[in-house]
Amino acid sequence: MTHLLHIKTSIFHDEGMSTILTDQFAGPWLAADSSNVVTIRDLASAPIPHLDIDGFKAFVSPPDMRTPAQSAIVQQSDILIAELRAADIVLIDAPMYNLSVPSGLKAYLDYIVGAGETFQYSPTGPIGLLPGKTAVIVSTRGGIYGPDDDLVTAYLSQICRFVGFSDLHFVYAEGLALGEGPRQEGIEAAEKQILAILDTLSVSTKSNDEMLVK
């Protein structure tokens, strides 16, 4: 049995292309083994509050000094971190909005990156406390971006490695706002990348045709 944590972030919910593509990974993965387990964390339907001064104070205050609101913030963080710890694979729906990740995903990451919880300081630098996990990140974009303009990959790569993830896979669907031809090419390229990652993870799929978005 392996455990997949599926983090959904598209503001278009299940109609968002990034969500459609992550579902195309999660479906075959779940079907490949009846003992596999999926946990869905939908940040668009149930957003995490953005970090503010109360949130910051909650994370740095001793438990007996927290207000009830601050205790609730820490409790929410503990739940999110427990989900991460339980997961073998973390599947992230990460559309590019204004050159970066959705604000809901940024808020989530502020709640799960914590000293003593998901990383620790050391004389040689921070050490991630969530080793041995795989991240599969699906990023959709309206245009086409080179590595120097791709803040999504740079940011999420650094965050994942910061907390200890050792195996990162990125899927890109680009050109989605450039007309029907480039859009379809971008989707099909992403579907092929998904199939390749499933194969790398030894997940069989019944037919490539089942993966295609009509």
Protein backbone atom coordinates (compact mmCIF):
# COMPACT_ATOMS: atom_id res chain seq x y z
CA MET A 1 0.00 0.00 0.00
CA THR A 2 1.13 3.53 -0.78
CA HIS A 3 -0.50 6.80 0.18
CA LEU A 4 -1.08 9.69 -2.24
CA LEU A 5 -1.78 13.22 -1.00
CA HIS A 6 -3.51 15.14 -3.80
CA ILE A 7 -3.29 18.91 -3.28
CA LYS A 8 -5.75 20.81 -5.49
CA THR A 9 -5.33 24.56 -5.94
CA SER A 10 -7.07 25.66 -9.14
CA ILE A 11 -9.59 28.46 -8.63
CA PHE A 12 -11.61 26.77 -11.41
CA HIS A 13 -11.99 23.68 -9.20
CA ASP A 14 -12.57 20.44 -11.14
CA GLU A 15 -12.88 22.34 -14.42
CA GLY A 16 -9.33 23.71 -14.17
CA MET A 17 -6.91 22.05 -16.58
CA SER A 18 -4.31 21.57 -13.86
CA THR A 19 -6.91 19.68 -11.81
CA ILE A 20 -8.00 17.62 -14.81
CA LEU A 21 -4.39 16.62 -15.45
CA THR A 22 -3.62 15.78 -11.81
CA ASP A 23 -6.76 13.63 -11.78
CA GLN A 24 -5.32 11.80 -14.80
CA PHE A 25 -2.35 10.89 -12.64
CA ALA A 26 -4.35 10.03 -9.52
CA GLY A 27 -6.89 7.83 -11.34
CA PRO A 28 -4.46 5.27 -12.82
CA TRP A 29 -2.34 5.37 -9.68
CA LEU A 30 -5.33 4.53 -7.49
CA ALA A 31 -6.57 1.83 -9.88
CA ALA A 32 -3.18 0.13 -10.06
CA ASP A 33 -3.43 -1.28 -6.52
CA SER A 34 -6.62 -1.74 -4.52
CA SER A 35 -4.70 -1.07 -1.30
CA ASN A 36 -3.58 2.41 -2.39
CA VAL A 37 -5.03 5.35 -0.47
CA VAL A 38 -5.70 8.91 -1.65
CA THR A 39 -6.18 11.95 0.59
CA ILE A 40 -7.48 15.07 -1.17
CA ARG A 41 -6.65 18.51 0.17
CA ASP A 42 -8.69 21.00 -1.88
CA LEU A 43 -7.30 24.45 -1.18
CA ALA A 44 -9.76 26.16 -3.53
CA SER A 45 -12.88 24.73 -1.87
CA ALA A 46 -11.46 24.92 1.67
CA PRO A 47 -8.76 27.60 1.62
CA ILE A 48 -6.11 27.93 4.31
CA PRO A 49 -6.05 31.43 5.86
CA HIS A 50 -3.14 33.53 4.64
CA LEU A 51 -0.41 34.06 7.18
CA ASP A 52 -0.85 37.23 9.25
CA ILE A 53 0.62 38.53 12.49
CA ASP A 54 -1.61 36.26 14.63
CA GLY A 55 -0.48 33.28 12.62
CA PHE A 56 3.16 34.20 12.97
CA LYS A 57 2.80 34.67 16.73
CA ALA A 58 0.95 31.37 17.00
CA PHE A 59 3.88 29.46 15.51
CA VAL A 60 6.53 31.11 17.70
CA SER A 61 4.61 31.25 21.02
CA PRO A 62 4.68 28.52 23.70
CA PRO A 63 1.39 26.55 23.80
CA ASP A 64 0.32 28.03 27.14
CA MET A 65 0.78 31.57 25.80
CA ARG A 66 -1.41 31.18 22.71
CA THR A 67 -4.86 32.69 22.39
CA PRO A 68 -7.72 30.35 21.37
CA ALA A 69 -7.47 31.69 17.81
CA GLN A 70 -3.72 31.05 17.73
CA SER A 71 -4.20 27.52 19.09
CA ALA A 72 -6.65 26.87 16.24
CA ILE A 73 -4.03 28.04 13.72
CA VAL A 74 -1.44 25.65 15.12
CA GLN A 75 -3.98 22.83 15.17
CA GLN A 76 -4.69 23.43 11.46
CA SER A 77 -0.95 23.37 10.74
CA ASP A 78 -0.58 20.11 12.68
CA ILE A 79 -3.34 18.50 10.59
CA LEU A 80 -1.70 19.56 7.32
CA ILE A 81 1.74 18.36 8.42
CA ALA A 82 0.29 15.02 9.54
CA GLU A 83 -1.18 14.57 6.06
CA LEU A 84 2.24 15.21 4.54
CA ARG A 85 3.98 12.80 6.90
CA ALA A 86 1.50 10.05 6.02
CA ALA A 87 1.95 10.47 2.26
CA ASP A 88 4.39 8.55 0.08
CA ILE A 89 3.59 10.64 -3.00
CA VAL A 90 2.46 14.27 -2.98
CA LEU A 91 0.58 15.31 -6.13
CA ILE A 92 0.32 19.08 -6.52
CA ASP A 93 -1.99 20.93 -8.89
CA ALA A 94 0.02 24.14 -9.50
CA PRO A 95 -1.31 26.41 -12.26
CA MET A 96 0.74 29.51 -13.00
CA TYR A 97 -1.09 32.67 -11.96
CA ASN A 98 0.70 35.94 -12.74
CA LEU A 99 4.05 34.13 -13.06
CA SER A 100 3.78 32.40 -9.67
CA VAL A 101 1.78 29.78 -7.75
CA PRO A 102 -1.83 30.35 -6.63
CA SER A 103 -2.03 32.35 -3.42
CA GLY A 104 -3.90 29.45 -1.81
CA LEU A 105 -0.92 27.17 -2.38
CA LYS A 106 1.44 29.77 -0.92
CA ALA A 107 -0.78 30.00 2.19
CA TYR A 108 -0.72 26.21 2.52
CA LEU A 109 3.06 26.11 2.28
CA ASP A 110 3.35 28.76 5.00
CA TYR A 111 1.44 26.38 7.29
CA ILE A 112 3.54 23.27 6.57
CA VAL A 113 7.08 24.68 6.47
CA GLY A 114 7.97 24.80 10.15
CA ALA A 115 11.18 24.54 12.15
CA GLY A 116 11.20 21.35 14.22
CA GLU A 117 8.28 19.95 12.23
CA THR A 118 9.24 19.67 8.56
CA PHE A 119 12.80 20.99 8.75
CA GLN A 120 15.41 21.73 11.36
CA TYR A 121 18.32 24.11 11.56
CA SER A 122 21.87 22.78 11.75
CA PRO A 123 25.39 24.29 11.68
CA THR A 124 25.63 23.40 7.99
CA GLY A 125 22.18 24.67 7.03
CA PRO A 126 18.55 23.48 7.20
CA ILE A 127 17.78 19.76 7.09
CA GLY A 128 14.47 18.48 5.75
CA LEU A 129 12.51 16.19 8.05
CA LEU A 130 10.30 14.57 5.38
CA PRO A 131 12.79 12.41 3.46
CA GLY A 132 11.98 9.60 1.04
CA LYS A 133 8.86 11.19 -0.46
CA THR A 134 8.02 11.78 -4.12
CA ALA A 135 6.42 14.97 -5.43
CA VAL A 136 4.58 15.15 -8.76
CA ILE A 137 3.80 18.75 -9.69
CA VAL A 138 1.51 19.64 -12.60
CA SER A 139 1.77 23.24 -13.78
CA THR A 140 -0.46 24.76 -16.46
CA ARG A 141 0.35 28.05 -18.17
CA GLY A 142 -1.33 30.34 -20.67
CA GLY A 143 1.95 31.13 -22.44
CA ILE A 144 5.28 29.40 -22.98
CA TYR A 145 8.06 30.06 -20.48
CA GLY A 146 11.77 29.37 -20.41
CA PRO A 147 13.70 28.40 -17.28
CA ASP A 148 14.66 32.00 -16.50
CA ASP A 149 10.99 33.03 -16.33
CA ASP A 150 9.65 29.99 -14.51
CA LEU A 151 9.18 31.02 -10.91
CA VAL A 152 6.78 28.14 -10.23
CA THR A 153 9.38 25.43 -10.81
CA ALA A 154 12.13 27.29 -8.97
CA TYR A 155 9.96 28.01 -5.94
CA LEU A 156 8.34 24.61 -5.58
CA SER A 157 11.62 22.78 -6.20
CA GLN A 158 13.28 24.71 -3.40
CA ILE A 159 10.36 24.24 -1.00
CA CYS A 160 10.15 20.49 -1.66
CA ARG A 161 13.87 19.97 -1.16
CA PHE A 162 13.83 22.25 1.88
CA VAL A 163 11.50 19.84 3.71
CA GLY A 164 13.42 16.79 2.52
CA PHE A 165 11.70 15.51 -0.64
CA SER A 166 14.25 13.68 -2.76
CA ASP A 167 12.27 12.72 -5.87
CA LEU A 168 10.64 15.54 -7.86
CA HIS A 169 8.70 15.24 -11.13
CA PHE A 170 7.30 18.25 -13.01
CA VAL A 171 4.60 18.15 -15.70
CA TYR A 172 4.00 21.22 -17.88
CA ALA A 173 1.01 22.11 -20.05
CA GLU A 174 1.97 25.34 -21.81
CA GLY A 175 0.41 27.58 -24.43
CA LEU A 176 -3.14 27.07 -23.16
CA ALA A 177 -4.15 30.66 -23.97
CA LEU A 178 -2.54 30.77 -27.42
CA GLY A 179 -5.39 29.29 -29.44
CA GLU A 180 -6.92 25.86 -29.90
CA GLY A 181 -3.94 24.32 -31.72
CA PRO A 182 -1.25 25.29 -29.19
CA ARG A 183 -3.66 24.51 -26.34
CA GLN A 184 -4.26 20.95 -27.55
CA GLU A 185 -0.53 20.46 -28.16
CA GLY A 186 0.20 21.63 -24.62
CA ILE A 187 -2.38 19.29 -23.11
CA GLU A 188 -1.19 16.29 -25.09
CA ALA A 189 2.43 16.99 -24.15
CA ALA A 190 1.43 17.06 -20.48
CA GLU A 191 -0.49 13.79 -20.81
CA LYS A 192 2.58 12.11 -22.26
CA GLN A 193 4.66 13.42 -19.36
CA ILE A 194 2.11 12.01 -16.90
CA LEU A 195 2.23 8.59 -18.55
CA ALA A 196 6.03 8.65 -18.41
CA ILE A 197 6.02 9.45 -14.69
CA LEU A 198 3.47 6.73 -13.98
CA ASP A 199 5.75 4.33 -15.85
CA THR A 200 8.75 5.53 -13.84
CA LEU A 201 6.78 4.84 -10.66
CA SER A 202 5.83 1.39 -12.02
CA VAL A 203 2.15 2.23 -12.39
CA SER A 204 0.56 0.53 -15.38
CA THR A 205 -2.24 2.15 -17.39
CA LYS A 206 -4.79 0.23 -19.40
CA SER A 207 -4.62 2.43 -22.46
CA ASN A 208 -3.07 5.70 -23.44
CA ASP A 209 -6.40 6.66 -25.00
CA GLU A 210 -8.02 6.69 -21.57
CA MET A 211 -5.71 9.53 -20.55
CA LEU A 212 -6.64 11.92 -23.33
CA VAL A 213 -8.76 14.98 -22.69
CA LYS A 214 -11.45 15.11 -25.34
